[in-house]
Amino acid sequence: MSRRSNRPPRKPNVDAVEGIDLEWRPTSYVADLGPVEAILQGIAGEERRAIVREKLTRTPRPEDGDVGEWLLQDRLSAEERVLLGRVHPRYMGGEYLPERASGELEIARVSLESSTGDVYSLCARRVGSRWHYKLYDEYGAEFELTPATSRHPLTLRQLIHLLDTVQGDELDTLGQGLVMCWGAWQRENGEDPRESIDFVSVSSEVYPMLGAYYEARLEAWAAECEAEDAEAEHNERAVDAEDAA
């Protein structure tokens, strides 16, 4: 595939969400929003991130101890990962992501409420005059991204387009990209729409509005599903009434 064929429109079409500036672009992929974000950007484990975030952002309490050094490590040793998994399988989420290449920075992650808390990590690395993007999961799958490279950091719109058009592995079967597919997949397996949207979450230490954007889209999707279900139930009752008449 040529580079040109893998280049999206400069202003790709994505769903708008009120209050979200889709044209916002970070000046850098280094999390420069604050010291907490800079620390969190490197921590692989999802549960460790959550613990560190809480400890560093809430008002200190007398019973609070120091943040353990093991919590702040980018990666745990194989032995530490096994021990953490024995506490609860969900604590393994993100801990089995592959080691990043030198200079590679995570710019977004998608986390699933699966039994092992699976995580997808989108990373960027500067090579020459361009940023190169790569998506990792915890099982060694390969993914096709659009765009695969860019000269400048992506706008929020461009990042959303990338996430919504990811191809590879089981995503090709599910369709709808990396985020919206999971609600549909849960629904196909009989889950309530509201419960389905809780299965996936999106976060970024670089794009502060990314999580809120997808929360709004998932909420809108769930409301649409509920309306479709209500209409289907109404039509079914109408048919039953006609049959009984």
Protein backbone atom coordinates (compact mmCIF):
# COMPACT_ATOMS: atom_id res chain seq x y z
CA MET A 1 0.00 0.00 0.00
CA SER A 2 1.41 3.37 -0.94
CA ARG A 3 1.84 6.12 1.60
CA ARG A 4 -0.68 8.26 -0.28
CA SER A 5 -3.37 5.55 -0.14
CA ASN A 6 -2.94 5.38 3.64
CA ARG A 7 -3.34 9.13 4.08
CA PRO A 8 -6.70 10.28 5.48
CA PRO A 9 -8.41 13.54 4.53
CA ARG A 10 -6.85 16.53 6.27
CA LYS A 11 -10.18 17.03 8.02
CA PRO A 12 -11.74 13.56 8.30
CA ASN A 13 -15.44 13.25 9.03
CA VAL A 14 -16.12 12.17 12.62
CA ASP A 15 -19.17 12.55 14.86
CA ALA A 16 -19.31 15.93 16.57
CA VAL A 17 -19.88 16.15 20.34
CA GLU A 18 -21.05 19.37 21.97
CA GLY A 19 -18.30 21.10 23.93
CA ILE A 20 -15.45 19.11 22.35
CA ASP A 21 -13.00 21.02 20.15
CA LEU A 22 -12.13 18.51 17.45
CA GLU A 23 -9.46 20.78 15.98
CA TRP A 24 -7.43 20.89 19.21
CA ARG A 25 -3.86 19.72 18.72
CA PRO A 26 -1.16 19.15 21.37
CA THR A 27 2.10 21.01 20.90
CA SER A 28 3.95 17.78 21.69
CA TYR A 29 3.29 14.14 22.48
CA VAL A 30 5.22 14.46 25.71
CA ALA A 31 2.50 14.77 28.36
CA ASP A 32 3.15 18.41 29.26
CA LEU A 33 -0.19 19.07 30.90
CA GLY A 34 1.37 18.61 34.32
CA PRO A 35 3.71 16.42 36.38
CA VAL A 36 1.02 13.85 37.18
CA GLU A 37 0.25 13.24 33.50
CA ALA A 38 3.95 12.92 32.73
CA ILE A 39 4.28 10.20 35.38
CA LEU A 40 1.14 8.33 34.30
CA GLN A 41 2.08 8.34 30.62
CA GLY A 42 4.83 5.81 31.23
CA ILE A 43 3.05 3.35 33.55
CA ALA A 44 1.92 0.27 31.61
CA GLY A 45 -0.51 -1.28 34.13
CA GLU A 46 -4.06 0.10 34.09
CA GLU A 47 -4.75 -0.58 37.77
CA ARG A 48 -1.39 0.85 38.83
CA ARG A 49 -2.16 3.98 36.83
CA ALA A 50 -5.49 4.36 38.60
CA ILE A 51 -3.90 3.96 42.03
CA VAL A 52 -1.12 6.43 41.28
CA ARG A 53 -3.57 8.95 39.80
CA GLU A 54 -5.73 8.82 42.90
CA LYS A 55 -2.79 9.16 45.27
CA LEU A 56 -1.27 12.08 43.37
CA THR A 57 -4.46 14.06 42.71
CA ARG A 58 -6.55 13.75 45.87
CA THR A 59 -6.03 15.78 49.03
CA PRO A 60 -3.46 13.96 51.20
CA ARG A 61 -4.82 12.18 54.28
CA PRO A 62 -2.93 11.30 57.46
CA GLU A 63 -3.28 7.57 56.78
CA ASP A 64 -1.84 7.91 53.27
CA GLY A 65 1.63 6.51 52.83
CA ASP A 66 4.12 7.28 50.12
CA VAL A 67 3.44 6.09 46.60
CA GLY A 68 5.26 2.76 46.41
CA GLU A 69 8.20 2.63 44.04
CA TRP A 70 6.78 -0.48 42.37
CA LEU A 71 3.63 1.46 41.47
CA LEU A 72 5.66 4.09 39.62
CA GLN A 73 7.68 1.67 37.51
CA ASP A 74 7.00 1.82 33.78
CA ARG A 75 7.03 -1.97 33.64
CA LEU A 76 6.96 -4.73 36.23
CA SER A 77 9.25 -7.73 36.23
CA ALA A 78 7.82 -11.10 35.16
CA GLU A 79 7.71 -12.20 38.81
CA GLU A 80 5.91 -9.03 39.89
CA ARG A 81 3.32 -9.46 37.14
CA VAL A 82 2.59 -13.02 38.26
CA LEU A 83 2.19 -11.93 41.88
CA LEU A 84 -0.10 -9.08 40.89
CA GLY A 85 -2.26 -11.40 38.79
CA ARG A 86 -2.72 -13.67 41.78
CA VAL A 87 -4.34 -10.78 43.67
CA HIS A 88 -6.92 -10.45 40.87
CA PRO A 89 -6.73 -11.19 37.12
CA ARG A 90 -7.90 -7.66 36.34
CA TYR A 91 -4.67 -6.31 37.83
CA MET A 92 -2.87 -7.79 34.83
CA GLY A 93 -4.49 -5.27 32.50
CA GLY A 94 -1.80 -3.38 30.58
CA GLU A 95 1.04 -5.17 32.35
CA TYR A 96 1.60 -7.47 29.36
CA LEU A 97 1.85 -4.74 26.76
CA PRO A 98 5.13 -5.10 24.84
CA GLU A 99 8.07 -2.94 25.82
CA ARG A 100 8.06 0.32 23.92
CA ALA A 101 10.80 1.26 21.49
CA SER A 102 13.22 4.00 22.47
CA GLY A 103 11.51 7.38 22.27
CA GLU A 104 8.03 5.86 21.90
CA LEU A 105 5.24 7.62 23.83
CA GLU A 106 1.73 6.44 24.60
CA ILE A 107 -0.82 8.98 23.35
CA ALA A 108 -4.07 7.07 23.98
CA ARG A 109 -5.32 3.80 25.42
CA VAL A 110 -8.49 1.76 25.21
CA SER A 111 -9.29 -0.43 28.22
CA LEU A 112 -11.80 -3.27 28.40
CA GLU A 113 -13.75 -4.59 31.38
CA SER A 114 -12.78 -8.13 30.42
CA SER A 115 -11.76 -10.73 32.99
CA THR A 116 -8.09 -9.77 32.54
CA GLY A 117 -8.66 -6.04 31.92
CA ASP A 118 -7.23 -6.07 28.39
CA VAL A 119 -5.62 -2.85 27.16
CA TYR A 120 -4.80 -1.41 23.74
CA SER A 121 -2.04 1.21 23.70
CA LEU A 122 -1.59 3.70 20.85
CA CYS A 123 1.97 5.02 20.70
CA ALA A 124 3.86 7.64 18.70
CA ARG A 125 7.56 7.78 17.91
CA ARG A 126 9.50 10.51 16.14
CA VAL A 127 11.53 9.18 13.20
CA GLY A 128 13.25 11.88 11.19
CA SER A 129 10.72 14.60 10.39
CA ARG A 130 7.60 12.50 11.03
CA TRP A 131 5.68 10.89 13.83
CA HIS A 132 5.09 7.15 13.36
CA TYR A 133 2.11 5.46 15.02
CA LYS A 134 1.73 1.92 16.30
CA LEU A 135 -1.07 0.19 18.18
CA TYR A 136 -0.20 -2.52 20.69
CA ASP A 137 -2.33 -5.08 22.45
CA GLU A 138 -1.24 -7.67 25.01
CA TYR A 139 -1.29 -10.61 22.57
CA GLY A 140 1.07 -9.52 19.79
CA ALA A 141 -1.57 -8.69 17.17
CA GLU A 142 -0.72 -6.42 14.23
CA PHE A 143 -2.92 -3.47 13.25
CA GLU A 144 -3.24 -1.14 10.28
CA LEU A 145 -3.58 2.54 11.17
CA THR A 146 -4.72 5.53 9.13
CA PRO A 147 -2.68 7.63 9.21
CA ALA A 148 0.40 5.55 9.92
CA THR A 149 2.58 8.70 10.11
CA SER A 150 2.17 12.47 10.32
CA ARG A 151 4.44 15.50 10.22
CA HIS A 152 2.76 17.17 13.21
CA PRO A 153 0.91 15.77 16.24
CA LEU A 154 -2.63 14.79 15.28
CA THR A 155 -5.61 16.98 15.95
CA LEU A 156 -8.23 15.41 18.19
CA ARG A 157 -10.35 14.89 15.06
CA GLN A 158 -7.52 13.02 13.32
CA LEU A 159 -6.86 10.87 16.39
CA ILE A 160 -10.54 9.92 16.61
CA HIS A 161 -10.53 9.03 12.92
CA LEU A 162 -7.48 6.82 13.49
CA LEU A 163 -9.19 4.99 16.37
CA ASP A 164 -12.44 4.64 14.42
CA THR A 165 -10.73 3.10 11.38
CA VAL A 166 -8.25 0.68 12.99
CA GLN A 167 -8.04 -2.61 11.13
CA GLY A 168 -6.51 -5.92 12.13
CA ASP A 169 -7.07 -9.01 14.24
CA GLU A 170 -10.65 -9.44 15.53
CA LEU A 171 -11.46 -5.79 14.81
CA ASP A 172 -11.96 -6.66 11.13
CA THR A 173 -14.79 -9.00 12.14
CA LEU A 174 -16.35 -6.66 14.70
CA GLY A 175 -16.16 -3.53 12.52
CA GLN A 176 -16.57 0.07 13.77
CA GLY A 177 -12.93 0.55 14.75
CA LEU A 178 -11.31 0.13 18.15
CA VAL A 179 -13.85 1.79 20.49
CA MET A 180 -17.42 1.66 19.25
CA CYS A 181 -17.20 -2.00 18.27
CA TRP A 182 -17.20 -3.26 21.85
CA GLY A 183 -20.63 -1.94 22.80
CA ALA A 184 -22.11 -3.54 19.67
CA TRP A 185 -20.29 -6.79 20.42
CA GLN A 186 -21.65 -6.86 23.97
CA ARG A 187 -25.14 -6.09 22.72
CA GLU A 188 -24.99 -8.93 20.19
CA ASN A 189 -24.19 -11.20 23.11
CA GLY A 190 -27.36 -10.17 24.92
CA GLU A 191 -26.09 -7.39 27.17
CA ASP A 192 -28.20 -4.34 28.00
CA PRO A 193 -27.03 -1.26 26.04
CA ARG A 194 -26.23 0.67 29.22
CA GLU A 195 -24.16 -2.20 30.55
CA SER A 196 -22.52 -2.65 27.16
CA ILE A 197 -21.03 0.84 27.10
CA ASP A 198 -19.39 0.26 30.48
CA PHE A 199 -17.31 -2.50 28.89
CA VAL A 200 -14.94 -0.04 27.17
CA SER A 201 -13.21 3.17 28.27
CA VAL A 202 -10.80 5.51 26.52
CA SER A 203 -8.13 7.66 28.16
CA SER A 204 -5.18 9.83 27.23
CA GLU A 205 -2.59 11.81 29.15
CA VAL A 206 -2.02 13.91 26.01
CA TYR A 207 -5.59 14.52 24.76
CA PRO A 208 -7.58 15.47 27.89
CA MET A 209 -10.98 15.48 26.12
CA LEU A 210 -10.64 12.12 24.37
CA GLY A 211 -12.30 10.13 27.15
CA ALA A 212 -15.24 12.52 27.45
CA TYR A 213 -15.71 12.46 23.68
CA TYR A 214 -16.14 8.70 23.54
CA GLU A 215 -18.28 8.65 26.69
CA ALA A 216 -20.70 11.00 24.92
CA ARG A 217 -20.73 8.91 21.74
CA LEU A 218 -21.31 5.70 23.66
CA GLU A 219 -24.13 7.31 25.64
CA ALA A 220 -25.73 8.46 22.38
CA TRP A 221 -25.37 4.95 20.95
CA ALA A 222 -27.00 3.42 24.05
CA ALA A 223 -29.92 5.89 23.85
CA GLU A 224 -30.41 5.00 20.19
CA CYS A 225 -30.43 1.29 21.04
CA GLU A 226 -32.98 1.84 23.79
CA ALA A 227 -35.21 3.78 21.39
CA GLU A 228 -34.96 0.95 18.83
CA ASP A 229 -35.79 -1.62 21.52
CA ALA A 230 -38.79 0.41 22.71
CA GLU A 231 -40.10 0.74 19.15
CA ALA A 232 -39.62 -2.99 18.52
CA GLU A 233 -41.48 -3.82 21.74
CA HIS A 234 -44.29 -1.43 20.82
CA ASN A 235 -44.64 -3.01 17.37
CA GLU A 236 -44.62 -6.49 18.86
CA ARG A 237 -47.40 -5.57 21.28
CA ALA A 238 -49.41 -4.07 18.44
CA VAL A 239 -49.10 -7.29 16.45
CA ASP A 240 -50.11 -9.35 19.51
CA ALA A 241 -53.14 -7.13 20.01
CA GLU A 242 -54.19 -7.54 16.39
CA ASP A 243 -53.81 -11.32 16.63
CA ALA A 244 -55.92 -11.39 19.79
CA ALA A 245 -58.69 -9.27 18.28
